[in-house]
């Protein structure tokens, strides 16, 4: 395997340079698209080892490579049912950890609901 070591990347014209550290900081550290109904199943993932169905509309995802700390940020989205559904990060009831995160699918009336599409993306140190 070869290793390319550089501090800055620049386009072919010599402009648009960017420090490699900015690229590392700005890329998603994990993401997934999950079928959250019935027996939950991932459609596609990056840096996710497994999921737990904690109950109706309540899901946990676990990282292959742990986060450096629990101060990362993440989004949660849900939908694909006949009821309007929103995704919500799970920090309201459980602390996020370096090993994973929890999220909820909620109706607009704040009732938990299993959603056909549960999506999430995480950014932060790793």
Foldseek 3Di string as FASTA:
>chain_A
DDDDDDQWDADPVRDDIDGPVVVQQPDWQKKFKWQQPDPIDTPDMDQWDDKDDPDFFKIKTFGVQFFPFQPKDKAKAFADDPAAKGKAWPCVVDRAGRTIGMIGIAGPVGDGHGGRIIMMIIGDHD
